[in-house]
N, C-alpha and C. Protein backbone atom coordinates (compact mmCIF):
# COMPACT_ATOMS: atom_id res chain seq x y z
N MET A 1 28.82 32.58 -30.54
CA MET A 1 27.85 31.60 -30.09
C MET A 1 28.18 31.22 -28.65
N ARG A 2 27.16 31.20 -27.82
CA ARG A 2 27.37 30.86 -26.42
C ARG A 2 26.93 29.42 -26.17
N CYS A 3 27.70 28.73 -25.41
CA CYS A 3 27.35 27.36 -25.01
C CYS A 3 26.99 27.38 -23.53
N PHE A 4 25.93 26.74 -23.20
CA PHE A 4 25.53 26.63 -21.81
C PHE A 4 25.64 25.17 -21.40
N HIS A 5 26.26 24.97 -20.28
CA HIS A 5 26.38 23.62 -19.74
C HIS A 5 25.52 23.57 -18.49
N GLY A 6 24.54 22.76 -18.55
CA GLY A 6 23.65 22.64 -17.40
C GLY A 6 23.87 21.31 -16.69
N ALA A 7 23.64 21.33 -15.44
CA ALA A 7 23.74 20.11 -14.66
C ALA A 7 22.43 19.35 -14.78
N VAL A 8 22.54 18.06 -14.86
CA VAL A 8 21.35 17.22 -14.86
C VAL A 8 20.98 16.96 -13.41
N VAL A 9 19.77 17.29 -13.09
CA VAL A 9 19.31 17.12 -11.72
C VAL A 9 18.31 15.96 -11.71
N ALA A 10 18.64 14.97 -10.93
CA ALA A 10 17.73 13.83 -10.80
C ALA A 10 16.80 14.08 -9.63
N VAL A 11 15.54 13.96 -9.88
CA VAL A 11 14.56 14.12 -8.82
C VAL A 11 14.26 12.73 -8.27
N ILE A 12 14.57 12.56 -7.02
CA ILE A 12 14.33 11.26 -6.39
C ILE A 12 13.06 11.35 -5.58
N VAL A 13 12.19 10.46 -5.88
CA VAL A 13 10.91 10.37 -5.18
C VAL A 13 10.85 9.00 -4.52
N TRP A 14 10.33 8.98 -3.33
CA TRP A 14 10.13 7.71 -2.63
C TRP A 14 8.66 7.36 -2.68
N CYS A 15 8.37 6.12 -3.02
CA CYS A 15 7.00 5.65 -3.16
C CYS A 15 6.67 4.65 -2.07
N LEU A 16 5.51 4.81 -1.48
CA LEU A 16 4.99 3.83 -0.54
C LEU A 16 4.13 2.88 -1.37
N ILE A 17 4.53 1.62 -1.42
CA ILE A 17 3.82 0.64 -2.25
C ILE A 17 3.34 -0.53 -1.41
N ARG A 18 2.32 -1.19 -1.91
CA ARG A 18 1.83 -2.42 -1.26
C ARG A 18 1.22 -3.31 -2.32
N PRO A 19 1.15 -4.62 -2.04
CA PRO A 19 0.53 -5.53 -3.02
C PRO A 19 -0.93 -5.18 -3.24
N ALA A 20 -1.35 -5.35 -4.46
CA ALA A 20 -2.75 -5.11 -4.81
C ALA A 20 -3.64 -6.21 -4.22
N ILE A 21 -4.87 -5.85 -3.92
CA ILE A 21 -5.86 -6.84 -3.50
C ILE A 21 -6.70 -7.15 -4.73
N TYR A 22 -6.62 -8.39 -5.17
CA TYR A 22 -7.35 -8.82 -6.36
C TYR A 22 -8.75 -9.29 -5.99
N ASP A 23 -9.69 -9.07 -6.89
CA ASP A 23 -11.08 -9.52 -6.76
C ASP A 23 -11.64 -9.21 -5.37
N PRO A 24 -11.67 -7.92 -4.98
CA PRO A 24 -12.03 -7.56 -3.61
C PRO A 24 -13.45 -7.93 -3.19
N ILE A 25 -14.35 -8.10 -4.14
CA ILE A 25 -15.74 -8.41 -3.77
C ILE A 25 -15.98 -9.91 -3.63
N ASN A 26 -15.56 -10.69 -4.62
CA ASN A 26 -15.90 -12.12 -4.63
C ASN A 26 -14.87 -13.03 -3.96
N ASN A 27 -13.60 -12.70 -4.12
CA ASN A 27 -12.55 -13.56 -3.57
C ASN A 27 -11.30 -12.73 -3.27
N PRO A 28 -11.36 -11.89 -2.24
CA PRO A 28 -10.22 -11.01 -1.97
C PRO A 28 -8.95 -11.81 -1.67
N HIS A 29 -7.89 -11.49 -2.39
CA HIS A 29 -6.62 -12.17 -2.16
C HIS A 29 -5.47 -11.32 -2.69
N LEU A 30 -4.29 -11.63 -2.19
CA LEU A 30 -3.07 -10.95 -2.60
C LEU A 30 -2.23 -11.87 -3.46
N GLN A 31 -1.34 -11.27 -4.19
CA GLN A 31 -0.28 -12.01 -4.88
C GLN A 31 1.04 -11.35 -4.44
N PRO A 32 1.48 -11.60 -3.20
CA PRO A 32 2.66 -10.91 -2.69
C PRO A 32 3.93 -11.21 -3.47
N THR A 33 3.90 -12.25 -4.28
CA THR A 33 5.09 -12.57 -5.08
C THR A 33 5.06 -11.87 -6.44
N ASP A 34 3.99 -11.11 -6.71
CA ASP A 34 3.95 -10.32 -7.94
C ASP A 34 5.19 -9.42 -8.00
N PRO A 35 5.66 -9.11 -9.20
CA PRO A 35 6.75 -8.14 -9.30
C PRO A 35 6.29 -6.80 -8.73
N LEU A 36 7.23 -6.03 -8.20
CA LEU A 36 6.88 -4.74 -7.59
C LEU A 36 6.21 -3.80 -8.58
N SER A 37 6.44 -4.00 -9.86
CA SER A 37 5.79 -3.15 -10.87
C SER A 37 4.27 -3.33 -10.86
N ARG A 38 3.78 -4.41 -10.27
CA ARG A 38 2.33 -4.65 -10.20
C ARG A 38 1.74 -4.24 -8.85
N TRP A 39 2.61 -3.85 -7.92
CA TRP A 39 2.12 -3.37 -6.63
C TRP A 39 1.53 -1.98 -6.83
N GLN A 40 0.70 -1.55 -5.90
CA GLN A 40 0.05 -0.25 -6.01
C GLN A 40 0.87 0.81 -5.28
N ILE A 41 1.05 1.94 -5.95
CA ILE A 41 1.70 3.08 -5.30
C ILE A 41 0.62 3.80 -4.50
N GLN A 42 0.84 3.88 -3.20
CA GLN A 42 -0.15 4.49 -2.31
C GLN A 42 0.06 5.99 -2.16
N ARG A 43 1.33 6.38 -2.13
CA ARG A 43 1.66 7.78 -1.89
C ARG A 43 3.11 8.01 -2.25
N LYS A 44 3.47 9.27 -2.56
CA LYS A 44 4.85 9.62 -2.92
C LYS A 44 5.39 10.65 -1.92
N PHE A 45 6.70 10.58 -1.69
CA PHE A 45 7.36 11.43 -0.70
C PHE A 45 8.66 11.99 -1.26
N ASP A 46 9.10 13.09 -0.67
CA ASP A 46 10.36 13.72 -1.08
C ASP A 46 11.58 13.03 -0.50
N SER A 47 11.40 12.26 0.56
CA SER A 47 12.54 11.60 1.20
C SER A 47 12.14 10.24 1.73
N ARG A 48 13.14 9.41 1.92
CA ARG A 48 12.89 8.08 2.49
C ARG A 48 12.39 8.21 3.92
N ASP A 49 12.99 9.14 4.68
CA ASP A 49 12.58 9.33 6.06
C ASP A 49 11.10 9.69 6.16
N ALA A 50 10.65 10.59 5.28
CA ALA A 50 9.23 10.99 5.30
C ALA A 50 8.34 9.79 4.96
N CYS A 51 8.77 8.99 4.00
CA CYS A 51 8.00 7.80 3.62
C CYS A 51 7.92 6.82 4.79
N GLU A 52 9.07 6.54 5.40
CA GLU A 52 9.11 5.57 6.51
C GLU A 52 8.30 6.06 7.71
N LYS A 53 8.35 7.36 7.99
CA LYS A 53 7.59 7.90 9.12
C LYS A 53 6.08 7.77 8.86
N PHE A 54 5.66 8.16 7.66
CA PHE A 54 4.24 8.02 7.32
C PHE A 54 3.81 6.56 7.41
N LYS A 55 4.62 5.67 6.84
CA LYS A 55 4.32 4.23 6.84
C LYS A 55 4.14 3.73 8.27
N SER A 56 5.06 4.10 9.13
CA SER A 56 5.01 3.65 10.52
C SER A 56 3.75 4.15 11.22
N ASP A 57 3.48 5.44 11.11
CA ASP A 57 2.30 6.02 11.77
C ASP A 57 1.01 5.45 11.19
N TYR A 58 0.92 5.41 9.87
CA TYR A 58 -0.28 4.94 9.19
C TYR A 58 -0.51 3.46 9.47
N ASP A 59 0.55 2.66 9.35
CA ASP A 59 0.41 1.23 9.57
C ASP A 59 -0.04 0.92 10.98
N ASP A 60 0.54 1.61 11.97
CA ASP A 60 0.14 1.37 13.36
C ASP A 60 -1.35 1.60 13.53
N THR A 61 -1.83 2.71 13.02
CA THR A 61 -3.25 3.05 13.15
C THR A 61 -4.14 2.06 12.41
N MET A 62 -3.81 1.80 11.14
CA MET A 62 -4.66 0.92 10.33
C MET A 62 -4.64 -0.52 10.83
N LEU A 63 -3.47 -1.02 11.19
CA LEU A 63 -3.39 -2.40 11.66
C LEU A 63 -4.15 -2.59 12.97
N LYS A 64 -4.07 -1.61 13.85
CA LYS A 64 -4.85 -1.69 15.09
C LYS A 64 -6.34 -1.73 14.78
N MET A 65 -6.77 -0.86 13.88
CA MET A 65 -8.19 -0.82 13.52
C MET A 65 -8.63 -2.14 12.89
N LEU A 66 -7.85 -2.66 11.96
CA LEU A 66 -8.21 -3.92 11.31
C LEU A 66 -8.25 -5.08 12.30
N ARG A 67 -7.32 -5.09 13.23
CA ARG A 67 -7.29 -6.18 14.22
C ARG A 67 -8.48 -6.10 15.16
N VAL A 68 -8.87 -4.89 15.55
CA VAL A 68 -10.05 -4.73 16.41
C VAL A 68 -11.28 -5.26 15.70
N VAL A 69 -11.44 -4.91 14.44
CA VAL A 69 -12.60 -5.38 13.67
C VAL A 69 -12.58 -6.90 13.56
N GLN A 70 -11.40 -7.48 13.33
CA GLN A 70 -11.31 -8.93 13.19
C GLN A 70 -11.55 -9.65 14.51
N GLU A 71 -11.21 -9.00 15.61
CA GLU A 71 -11.38 -9.62 16.93
C GLU A 71 -12.81 -9.56 17.44
N HIS A 72 -13.65 -8.80 16.76
CA HIS A 72 -15.06 -8.67 17.18
C HIS A 72 -15.97 -9.03 16.01
N PRO A 73 -16.03 -10.34 15.70
CA PRO A 73 -16.81 -10.77 14.54
C PRO A 73 -18.30 -10.43 14.63
N GLU A 74 -18.82 -10.30 15.84
CA GLU A 74 -20.25 -9.95 15.97
C GLU A 74 -20.52 -8.55 15.40
N ASP A 75 -19.59 -7.63 15.62
CA ASP A 75 -19.73 -6.29 15.05
C ASP A 75 -19.53 -6.33 13.54
N LEU A 76 -18.61 -7.16 13.10
CA LEU A 76 -18.35 -7.30 11.68
C LEU A 76 -19.59 -7.86 10.97
N LYS A 77 -20.27 -8.82 11.62
CA LYS A 77 -21.48 -9.40 11.02
C LYS A 77 -22.56 -8.33 10.85
N LYS A 78 -22.72 -7.46 11.85
CA LYS A 78 -23.70 -6.37 11.75
C LYS A 78 -23.36 -5.44 10.59
N LEU A 79 -22.09 -5.10 10.47
CA LEU A 79 -21.67 -4.22 9.38
C LEU A 79 -21.86 -4.89 8.03
N SER A 80 -21.61 -6.20 7.96
CA SER A 80 -21.74 -6.92 6.70
C SER A 80 -23.18 -6.98 6.23
N GLU A 81 -24.11 -6.94 7.16
CA GLU A 81 -25.53 -6.99 6.79
C GLU A 81 -26.05 -5.64 6.31
N ASP A 82 -25.32 -4.59 6.59
CA ASP A 82 -25.70 -3.26 6.15
C ASP A 82 -25.36 -3.14 4.66
N PRO A 83 -26.37 -2.86 3.81
CA PRO A 83 -26.11 -2.82 2.36
C PRO A 83 -25.13 -1.73 1.93
N GLN A 84 -24.91 -0.72 2.79
CA GLN A 84 -23.97 0.33 2.43
C GLN A 84 -22.52 -0.04 2.75
N HIS A 85 -22.33 -1.10 3.48
CA HIS A 85 -20.98 -1.53 3.85
C HIS A 85 -20.76 -2.97 3.40
N HIS A 86 -19.55 -3.26 3.03
CA HIS A 86 -19.21 -4.62 2.67
C HIS A 86 -17.91 -4.98 3.38
N PHE A 87 -18.03 -5.57 4.54
CA PHE A 87 -16.87 -5.93 5.33
C PHE A 87 -16.72 -7.44 5.35
N ASP A 88 -16.20 -7.96 4.28
CA ASP A 88 -15.94 -9.38 4.16
C ASP A 88 -14.69 -9.70 4.98
N PRO A 89 -14.75 -10.67 5.87
CA PRO A 89 -13.57 -11.02 6.66
C PRO A 89 -12.36 -11.38 5.78
N ARG A 90 -12.61 -11.96 4.61
CA ARG A 90 -11.49 -12.29 3.71
C ARG A 90 -10.82 -11.03 3.20
N TYR A 91 -11.62 -9.99 2.96
CA TYR A 91 -11.04 -8.72 2.51
C TYR A 91 -10.19 -8.10 3.63
N LEU A 92 -10.70 -8.13 4.85
CA LEU A 92 -9.95 -7.56 5.97
C LEU A 92 -8.63 -8.30 6.18
N LYS A 93 -8.65 -9.61 6.00
CA LYS A 93 -7.43 -10.39 6.13
C LYS A 93 -6.43 -9.99 5.02
N ALA A 94 -6.92 -9.84 3.80
CA ALA A 94 -6.05 -9.44 2.68
C ALA A 94 -5.51 -8.02 2.91
N ALA A 95 -6.37 -7.12 3.39
CA ALA A 95 -5.93 -5.74 3.64
C ALA A 95 -4.87 -5.68 4.73
N THR A 96 -5.04 -6.49 5.78
CA THR A 96 -4.05 -6.54 6.85
C THR A 96 -2.71 -7.04 6.32
N ARG A 97 -2.75 -8.09 5.54
CA ARG A 97 -1.50 -8.65 4.98
C ARG A 97 -0.85 -7.65 4.02
N SER A 98 -1.65 -6.96 3.24
CA SER A 98 -1.11 -5.96 2.32
C SER A 98 -0.37 -4.86 3.07
N LEU A 99 -0.96 -4.40 4.17
CA LEU A 99 -0.30 -3.38 5.00
C LEU A 99 1.00 -3.91 5.61
N GLU A 100 0.99 -5.17 6.03
CA GLU A 100 2.20 -5.75 6.62
C GLU A 100 3.35 -5.83 5.62
N LEU A 101 3.02 -5.98 4.33
CA LEU A 101 4.03 -6.11 3.29
C LEU A 101 4.45 -4.77 2.68
N GLU A 102 3.73 -3.72 3.02
CA GLU A 102 3.98 -2.39 2.48
C GLU A 102 5.44 -1.99 2.67
N ARG A 103 5.98 -1.22 1.69
CA ARG A 103 7.37 -0.77 1.79
C ARG A 103 7.59 0.53 1.04
N CYS A 104 8.64 1.22 1.43
CA CYS A 104 9.08 2.43 0.75
C CYS A 104 10.16 2.04 -0.25
N ILE A 105 10.05 2.58 -1.45
CA ILE A 105 11.01 2.23 -2.50
C ILE A 105 11.30 3.47 -3.35
N ASN A 106 12.53 3.59 -3.77
CA ASN A 106 12.96 4.71 -4.60
C ASN A 106 12.29 4.60 -5.97
N SER A 107 11.81 5.72 -6.49
CA SER A 107 11.12 5.70 -7.78
C SER A 107 12.03 5.30 -8.94
N ASP A 108 13.35 5.38 -8.74
CA ASP A 108 14.29 4.95 -9.77
C ASP A 108 14.55 3.45 -9.77
N ASP A 109 14.02 2.76 -8.79
CA ASP A 109 14.26 1.32 -8.68
C ASP A 109 13.69 0.61 -9.92
N SER A 110 14.52 -0.12 -10.60
CA SER A 110 14.11 -0.78 -11.85
C SER A 110 12.97 -1.79 -11.63
N ARG A 111 12.82 -2.30 -10.40
CA ARG A 111 11.75 -3.26 -10.12
C ARG A 111 10.36 -2.62 -10.25
N LEU A 112 10.27 -1.30 -10.09
CA LEU A 112 9.00 -0.62 -10.28
C LEU A 112 8.61 -0.53 -11.75
N LYS A 113 9.60 -0.62 -12.59
CA LYS A 113 9.36 -0.51 -14.03
C LYS A 113 9.19 -1.87 -14.70
N GLY A 114 9.33 -2.92 -13.92
CA GLY A 114 9.15 -4.28 -14.43
C GLY A 114 10.31 -4.80 -15.24
N LYS A 115 11.49 -4.23 -15.03
CA LYS A 115 12.67 -4.67 -15.78
C LYS A 115 13.48 -5.65 -14.99
């Protein structure tokens, strides 16, 4: 009888997470104090460096775009009147805050499992 001893290989995945935006149509808001298990996983990466690089590049672009929209309320009003778009200033504020709180976390972190 042959015995095989195999090594256990742990696959570590890094998750980009951010707080969920609740009630996005009627009353957009965050619960940043929610446990991380209730935050939304946006994307997964093979390394922390890849996660942090994506976060940095993506956040810079998105935050600039959100701030431009917020700084020009006249354009936002035009977009809000278009039935195909719903750009509620409260939603944009919640989305901006959600991006600011975004973080990379190891998939093995017990806080993601709610423990």
